[in-house]
Amino acid sequence: MMVIPVFREEDYRTIEGTTMSPESSILDLLKIPTQGKVYDLEGVREAEMPLWDGHPAFQVMTYRTPQGVKNQGSKPFPDPNEPPISLISDLVMGTTHSGTHIDALGHTVTGHDQHWHNGKASTDLGDFGPLKGSASELPIFITRGVFFDVAKKVGHPLKGGEPFGIDAFLEMIDEEGLEVRAGDVVLFRNGAGKFWSDTAKFNEHDGGGVTLEIAQYLSEKGIRAIGGDTSTVEVQPSTVPGNPHPVHEHLLIENGIHLIENMILEELSEDGVKEFLFIGLPPKIKGATGAIFRPIALV
């Protein structure tokens, strides 16, 4: 039987605004995998992928090709050589919130003073993004992961606007014998990720998600991040009158807990995985309010 280490809130230390487990805890965490199987939780990025229309489109533009340089008479790169060898150069354009990504603390703001976790616009917003809470401060994630297969629990992929509430969540914890602990990354499969390659179908299920009460329960446990296979993780439209994003507000602004969105969780569901070692390495982009993310699960 696999023994999952138990970590307490005091097992974690803060270094320059990021949360990391101490070296002794890291070594214990590395004992979680027993099968050696790796699950890729990132979706393929392409121009046609699902994307909230408030974000700029994602594009990959080929900038130079050997044939193009030849046909246009441009300066070759590298200089002429024999046998001829050259390269193709490209430019990627798009929001850091495209595809599988993680929200930095400066992503969600609230109030007339436009404040976020440990920051506010009047003093901490520059010409090139937040001066505090940007993606350059995102931590490395090496921690225990817990997986809740909501779509399997309710018997169908959640539809847009369909909430998954606290009563069903607590029932799930009891039925599956799972425990949420300090430092965990908690993942929810609503079923939308199954349709990642079909944007129209994905959009039918995007917006099904967890409610504020679940976020409150998880923040009290001291988790590090919550993730899901939709663009918001939380149910949309909101079930809290007057607050369009109560889960984002509660987790990001009030508690400094990150959200990981647009994950692909189908393989975890197929294999019935519940607990695993979670690893995620966000790039350090100063001023960005999120980062494209490459999360994996190891069992």
Protein backbone atom coordinates (compact mmCIF):
# COMPACT_ATOMS: atom_id res chain seq x y z
CA MET A 1 0.00 0.00 0.00
CA MET A 2 1.28 3.46 -0.88
CA VAL A 3 1.86 5.68 2.16
CA ILE A 4 1.33 9.38 1.42
CA PRO A 5 3.36 11.71 3.66
CA VAL A 6 1.35 14.10 5.83
CA PHE A 7 2.49 17.71 5.75
CA ARG A 8 1.42 20.41 8.11
CA GLU A 9 1.14 24.14 7.45
CA GLU A 10 4.31 24.70 9.49
CA ASP A 11 6.20 22.33 7.19
CA TYR A 12 6.24 25.09 4.58
CA ARG A 13 8.45 28.16 4.53
CA THR A 14 8.26 31.41 2.62
CA ILE A 15 11.18 32.49 0.44
CA GLU A 16 10.91 35.83 -1.35
CA GLY A 17 7.14 35.58 -1.51
CA THR A 18 6.98 32.00 -2.79
CA THR A 19 5.91 28.93 -0.88
CA MET A 20 8.23 25.94 -0.87
CA SER A 21 8.52 22.83 1.22
CA PRO A 22 11.80 22.33 3.10
CA GLU A 23 14.39 19.94 1.77
CA SER A 24 13.38 17.15 4.16
CA SER A 25 9.79 17.39 2.99
CA ILE A 26 10.84 17.35 -0.67
CA LEU A 27 12.67 14.08 -0.11
CA ASP A 28 9.57 12.61 1.50
CA LEU A 29 7.39 13.85 -1.36
CA LEU A 30 9.62 12.09 -3.87
CA LYS A 31 8.65 8.82 -2.19
CA ILE A 32 5.00 9.21 -3.28
CA PRO A 33 5.38 7.65 -6.78
CA THR A 34 5.61 3.85 -6.67
CA GLN A 35 4.72 2.90 -10.27
CA GLY A 36 6.94 5.25 -12.27
CA LYS A 37 4.08 6.42 -14.50
CA VAL A 38 3.97 10.05 -15.65
CA TYR A 39 0.77 11.86 -16.63
CA ASP A 40 1.01 14.93 -18.85
CA LEU A 41 -1.63 17.42 -17.69
CA GLU A 42 -1.01 20.10 -20.34
CA GLY A 43 -3.17 20.68 -23.40
CA VAL A 44 -1.72 21.28 -26.87
CA ARG A 45 -1.49 24.98 -27.74
CA GLU A 46 -2.66 26.09 -31.18
CA ALA A 47 -4.48 28.99 -32.79
CA GLU A 48 -7.85 27.20 -32.78
CA MET A 49 -7.77 26.11 -29.13
CA PRO A 50 -10.44 27.33 -26.68
CA LEU A 51 -9.73 30.80 -25.32
CA TRP A 52 -11.79 33.32 -23.37
CA ASP A 53 -12.60 36.19 -25.72
CA GLY A 54 -11.20 38.72 -23.27
CA HIS A 55 -7.69 37.47 -24.09
CA PRO A 56 -5.69 38.16 -27.27
CA ALA A 57 -5.58 35.33 -29.79
CA PHE A 58 -2.80 32.78 -29.73
CA GLN A 59 -0.65 32.64 -32.87
CA VAL A 60 2.54 30.98 -34.05
CA MET A 61 4.12 32.96 -36.90
CA THR A 62 6.95 31.57 -38.97
CA TYR A 63 9.45 34.43 -39.18
CA ARG A 64 12.23 33.04 -41.38
CA THR A 65 12.61 29.88 -43.48
CA PRO A 66 15.56 28.74 -45.62
CA GLN A 67 13.41 28.81 -48.75
CA GLY A 68 11.93 32.20 -47.83
CA VAL A 69 15.39 33.69 -47.32
CA LYS A 70 16.44 32.33 -50.72
CA ASN A 71 13.34 33.54 -52.58
CA GLN A 72 13.37 37.00 -50.99
CA GLY A 73 17.11 37.51 -51.26
CA SER A 74 17.37 38.18 -47.52
CA LYS A 75 20.63 37.79 -45.67
CA PRO A 76 20.99 34.04 -45.14
CA PHE A 77 21.40 32.63 -41.69
CA PRO A 78 23.82 31.31 -40.92
CA ASP A 79 26.31 32.49 -43.53
CA PRO A 80 26.62 30.26 -46.62
CA ASN A 81 28.05 26.88 -45.76
CA GLU A 82 28.51 23.47 -47.37
CA PRO A 83 26.71 21.15 -47.10
CA PRO A 84 23.95 23.75 -46.65
CA ILE A 85 22.44 23.91 -43.18
CA SER A 86 20.00 26.53 -41.98
CA LEU A 87 17.08 26.88 -39.62
CA ILE A 88 13.46 27.99 -39.28
CA SER A 89 12.67 30.85 -36.87
CA ASP A 90 9.23 31.61 -35.43
CA LEU A 91 7.42 34.04 -33.20
CA VAL A 92 4.80 33.00 -30.64
CA MET A 93 2.18 35.59 -29.71
CA GLY A 94 -0.57 35.26 -27.14
CA THR A 95 -1.66 35.73 -23.59
CA THR A 96 0.04 33.96 -20.71
CA HIS A 97 -3.49 32.77 -19.87
CA SER A 98 -3.75 30.67 -23.02
CA GLY A 99 -4.12 26.92 -22.81
CA THR A 100 -2.97 25.22 -19.63
CA HIS A 101 -1.80 28.05 -17.39
CA ILE A 102 -1.51 29.24 -13.81
CA ASP A 103 -2.84 32.52 -12.43
CA ALA A 104 -0.34 34.74 -10.64
CA LEU A 105 -1.52 36.65 -7.57
CA GLY A 106 -1.72 39.92 -9.52
CA HIS A 107 -4.24 38.48 -11.99
CA THR A 108 -7.48 39.22 -10.12
CA VAL A 109 -8.14 42.67 -8.65
CA THR A 110 -11.05 44.06 -6.68
CA GLY A 111 -12.34 47.18 -4.94
CA HIS A 112 -12.32 50.81 -5.95
CA ASP A 113 -8.58 50.86 -5.17
CA GLN A 114 -8.04 47.86 -7.49
CA HIS A 115 -6.10 45.79 -4.98
CA TRP A 116 -4.86 42.20 -5.12
CA HIS A 117 -2.99 39.90 -2.73
CA ASN A 118 -0.31 42.08 -1.09
CA GLY A 119 -0.63 44.74 -3.77
CA LYS A 120 -2.73 47.64 -5.05
CA ALA A 121 -2.82 49.68 -8.23
CA SER A 122 -1.96 53.05 -6.65
CA THR A 123 1.48 51.85 -5.56
CA ASP A 124 2.17 48.49 -7.19
CA LEU A 125 1.04 48.70 -10.82
CA GLY A 126 3.60 49.74 -13.40
CA ASP A 127 3.60 50.36 -17.14
CA PHE A 128 4.57 46.73 -17.70
CA GLY A 129 2.29 44.95 -15.27
CA PRO A 130 2.14 44.38 -11.51
CA LEU A 131 5.25 45.26 -9.55
CA LYS A 132 4.15 42.74 -6.93
CA GLY A 133 2.47 39.41 -7.51
CA SER A 134 3.52 38.90 -11.12
CA ALA A 135 4.44 35.58 -12.72
CA SER A 136 8.10 36.10 -11.84
CA GLU A 137 7.12 35.29 -8.25
CA LEU A 138 5.27 32.05 -9.01
CA PRO A 139 6.68 29.12 -7.02
CA ILE A 140 8.00 25.81 -8.23
CA PHE A 141 5.45 23.14 -7.36
CA ILE A 142 6.69 19.83 -6.00
CA THR A 143 3.93 18.63 -3.75
CA ARG A 144 1.18 16.10 -3.13
CA GLY A 145 -1.71 16.18 -5.58
CA VAL A 146 -5.28 15.03 -4.98
CA PHE A 147 -7.71 14.33 -7.83
CA PHE A 148 -11.50 14.61 -7.70
CA ASP A 149 -13.29 13.20 -10.73
CA VAL A 150 -16.45 15.31 -10.63
CA ALA A 151 -17.74 14.18 -14.03
CA LYS A 152 -17.54 10.55 -12.93
CA LYS A 153 -19.23 11.38 -9.62
CA VAL A 154 -22.24 13.10 -11.20
CA GLY A 155 -22.35 10.74 -14.20
CA HIS A 156 -21.73 13.27 -16.97
CA PRO A 157 -19.44 16.15 -17.97
CA LEU A 158 -20.70 19.30 -16.27
CA LYS A 159 -22.48 21.70 -18.58
CA GLY A 160 -21.63 25.38 -18.65
CA GLY A 161 -23.14 27.02 -15.58
CA GLU A 162 -23.62 23.71 -13.74
CA PRO A 163 -22.27 24.01 -10.19
CA PHE A 164 -20.53 21.34 -8.16
CA GLY A 165 -21.31 22.16 -4.54
CA ILE A 166 -19.90 21.53 -1.10
CA ASP A 167 -22.33 18.76 -0.11
CA ALA A 168 -21.41 16.60 -3.10
CA PHE A 169 -17.73 17.38 -2.54
CA LEU A 170 -17.78 16.30 1.11
CA GLU A 171 -19.68 13.18 0.08
CA MET A 172 -16.96 12.46 -2.46
CA ILE A 173 -14.23 12.84 0.15
CA ASP A 174 -16.02 10.36 2.39
CA GLU A 175 -16.81 7.87 -0.38
CA GLU A 176 -13.26 7.75 -1.71
CA GLY A 177 -11.45 8.02 1.59
CA LEU A 178 -9.51 11.06 0.45
CA GLU A 179 -7.99 13.69 2.68
CA VAL A 180 -7.00 17.22 1.70
CA ARG A 181 -3.85 18.38 3.49
CA ALA A 182 -1.78 21.52 3.84
CA GLY A 183 0.41 22.09 0.82
CA ASP A 184 -1.71 20.04 -1.58
CA VAL A 185 -2.62 20.87 -5.15
CA VAL A 186 -6.27 19.84 -5.60
CA LEU A 187 -7.52 19.02 -9.11
CA PHE A 188 -11.12 18.77 -10.32
CA ARG A 189 -12.14 17.07 -13.56
CA ASN A 190 -15.43 18.50 -14.79
CA GLY A 191 -15.19 16.77 -18.16
CA ALA A 192 -14.55 19.73 -20.46
CA GLY A 193 -10.95 18.68 -21.09
CA LYS A 194 -12.19 15.66 -23.02
CA PHE A 195 -13.24 18.12 -25.75
CA TRP A 196 -10.09 20.28 -25.79
CA SER A 197 -9.53 19.67 -29.51
CA ASP A 198 -13.15 20.64 -30.33
CA THR A 199 -13.61 24.27 -29.28
CA ALA A 200 -17.37 24.36 -29.90
CA LYS A 201 -17.92 21.25 -27.80
CA PHE A 202 -15.53 22.47 -25.11
CA ASN A 203 -17.44 25.73 -24.83
CA GLU A 204 -20.64 23.81 -24.09
CA HIS A 205 -19.00 22.46 -20.93
CA ASP A 206 -16.77 25.39 -20.02
CA GLY A 207 -18.24 27.15 -17.00
CA GLY A 208 -19.24 24.07 -15.06
CA GLY A 209 -17.26 24.18 -11.84
CA VAL A 210 -16.79 24.41 -8.12
CA THR A 211 -18.60 26.84 -5.83
CA LEU A 212 -17.29 29.36 -3.31
CA GLU A 213 -18.00 27.00 -0.40
CA ILE A 214 -15.54 24.45 -1.80
CA ALA A 215 -12.89 27.15 -2.20
CA GLN A 216 -13.44 28.20 1.41
CA TYR A 217 -13.12 24.61 2.60
CA LEU A 218 -9.86 24.16 0.67
CA SER A 219 -8.32 27.44 1.80
CA GLU A 220 -8.92 26.45 5.42
CA LYS A 221 -6.92 23.30 4.73
CA GLY A 222 -3.96 25.38 3.57
CA ILE A 223 -3.72 24.12 -0.01
CA ARG A 224 -1.23 25.67 -2.46
CA ALA A 225 -3.33 25.61 -5.64
CA ILE A 226 -6.57 24.42 -7.16
CA GLY A 227 -6.79 23.21 -10.75
CA GLY A 228 -9.34 22.06 -13.27
CA ASP A 229 -10.10 21.35 -16.93
CA THR A 230 -12.10 24.52 -17.63
CA SER A 231 -11.03 28.11 -18.23
CA THR A 232 -12.08 29.27 -14.74
CA VAL A 233 -12.25 26.16 -12.47
CA GLU A 234 -15.15 27.88 -10.70
CA VAL A 235 -18.75 27.73 -11.90
CA GLN A 236 -19.69 30.42 -14.41
CA PRO A 237 -21.94 32.34 -14.31
CA SER A 238 -21.33 32.82 -10.62
CA THR A 239 -23.84 31.57 -8.07
CA VAL A 240 -22.97 34.50 -5.76
CA PRO A 241 -25.12 37.55 -6.61
CA GLY A 242 -23.05 40.62 -7.45
CA ASN A 243 -19.73 38.78 -7.56
CA PRO A 244 -18.72 37.42 -10.97
CA HIS A 245 -15.64 35.52 -9.70
CA PRO A 246 -16.02 34.68 -6.00
CA VAL A 247 -13.65 31.69 -6.13
CA HIS A 248 -10.89 33.72 -7.78
CA GLU A 249 -11.42 36.50 -5.26
CA HIS A 250 -11.35 34.18 -2.27
CA LEU A 251 -8.37 32.12 -3.36
CA LEU A 252 -6.12 34.60 -5.20
CA ILE A 253 -6.88 37.90 -3.47
CA GLU A 254 -7.81 36.86 0.04
CA ASN A 255 -5.59 33.81 0.52
CA GLY A 256 -2.80 33.87 -2.07
CA ILE A 257 -3.79 30.47 -3.49
CA HIS A 258 -3.17 29.94 -7.21
CA LEU A 259 -5.57 28.60 -9.83
CA ILE A 260 -4.45 26.29 -12.67
CA GLU A 261 -6.84 26.29 -15.63
CA ASN A 262 -7.44 24.35 -18.85
CA MET A 263 -5.74 21.18 -17.64
CA ILE A 264 -6.11 17.82 -19.37
CA LEU A 265 -7.15 15.27 -16.74
CA GLU A 266 -8.61 12.46 -18.84
CA GLU A 267 -5.81 9.94 -18.23
CA LEU A 268 -6.03 10.41 -14.47
CA SER A 269 -9.73 9.62 -14.75
CA GLU A 270 -9.20 6.57 -16.95
CA ASP A 271 -6.68 5.08 -14.53
CA GLY A 272 -8.63 5.97 -11.39
CA VAL A 273 -5.74 7.96 -9.92
CA LYS A 274 -6.54 9.73 -6.65
CA GLU A 275 -3.21 10.76 -5.09
CA PHE A 276 0.11 11.54 -6.79
CA LEU A 277 3.22 13.65 -6.82
CA PHE A 278 2.44 16.94 -8.56
CA ILE A 279 5.19 18.87 -10.32
CA GLY A 280 4.75 22.19 -12.13
CA LEU A 281 7.39 24.62 -13.37
CA PRO A 282 6.07 28.06 -14.36
CA PRO A 283 8.40 30.34 -16.33
CA LYS A 284 9.44 33.53 -14.54
CA ILE A 285 7.89 36.39 -16.51
CA LYS A 286 8.12 39.72 -14.73
CA GLY A 287 4.95 41.78 -15.02
CA ALA A 288 2.79 38.96 -16.39
CA THR A 289 -0.37 38.04 -14.48
CA GLY A 290 -0.11 34.36 -15.33
CA ALA A 291 2.16 31.82 -16.94
CA ILE A 292 1.76 29.03 -19.45
CA PHE A 293 2.23 25.91 -17.37
CA ARG A 294 3.60 22.39 -17.80
CA PRO A 295 2.13 20.31 -14.96
CA ILE A 296 2.68 16.58 -14.55
CA ALA A 297 1.48 13.92 -12.13
CA LEU A 298 3.66 10.99 -11.05
CA VAL A 299 2.31 7.82 -9.48
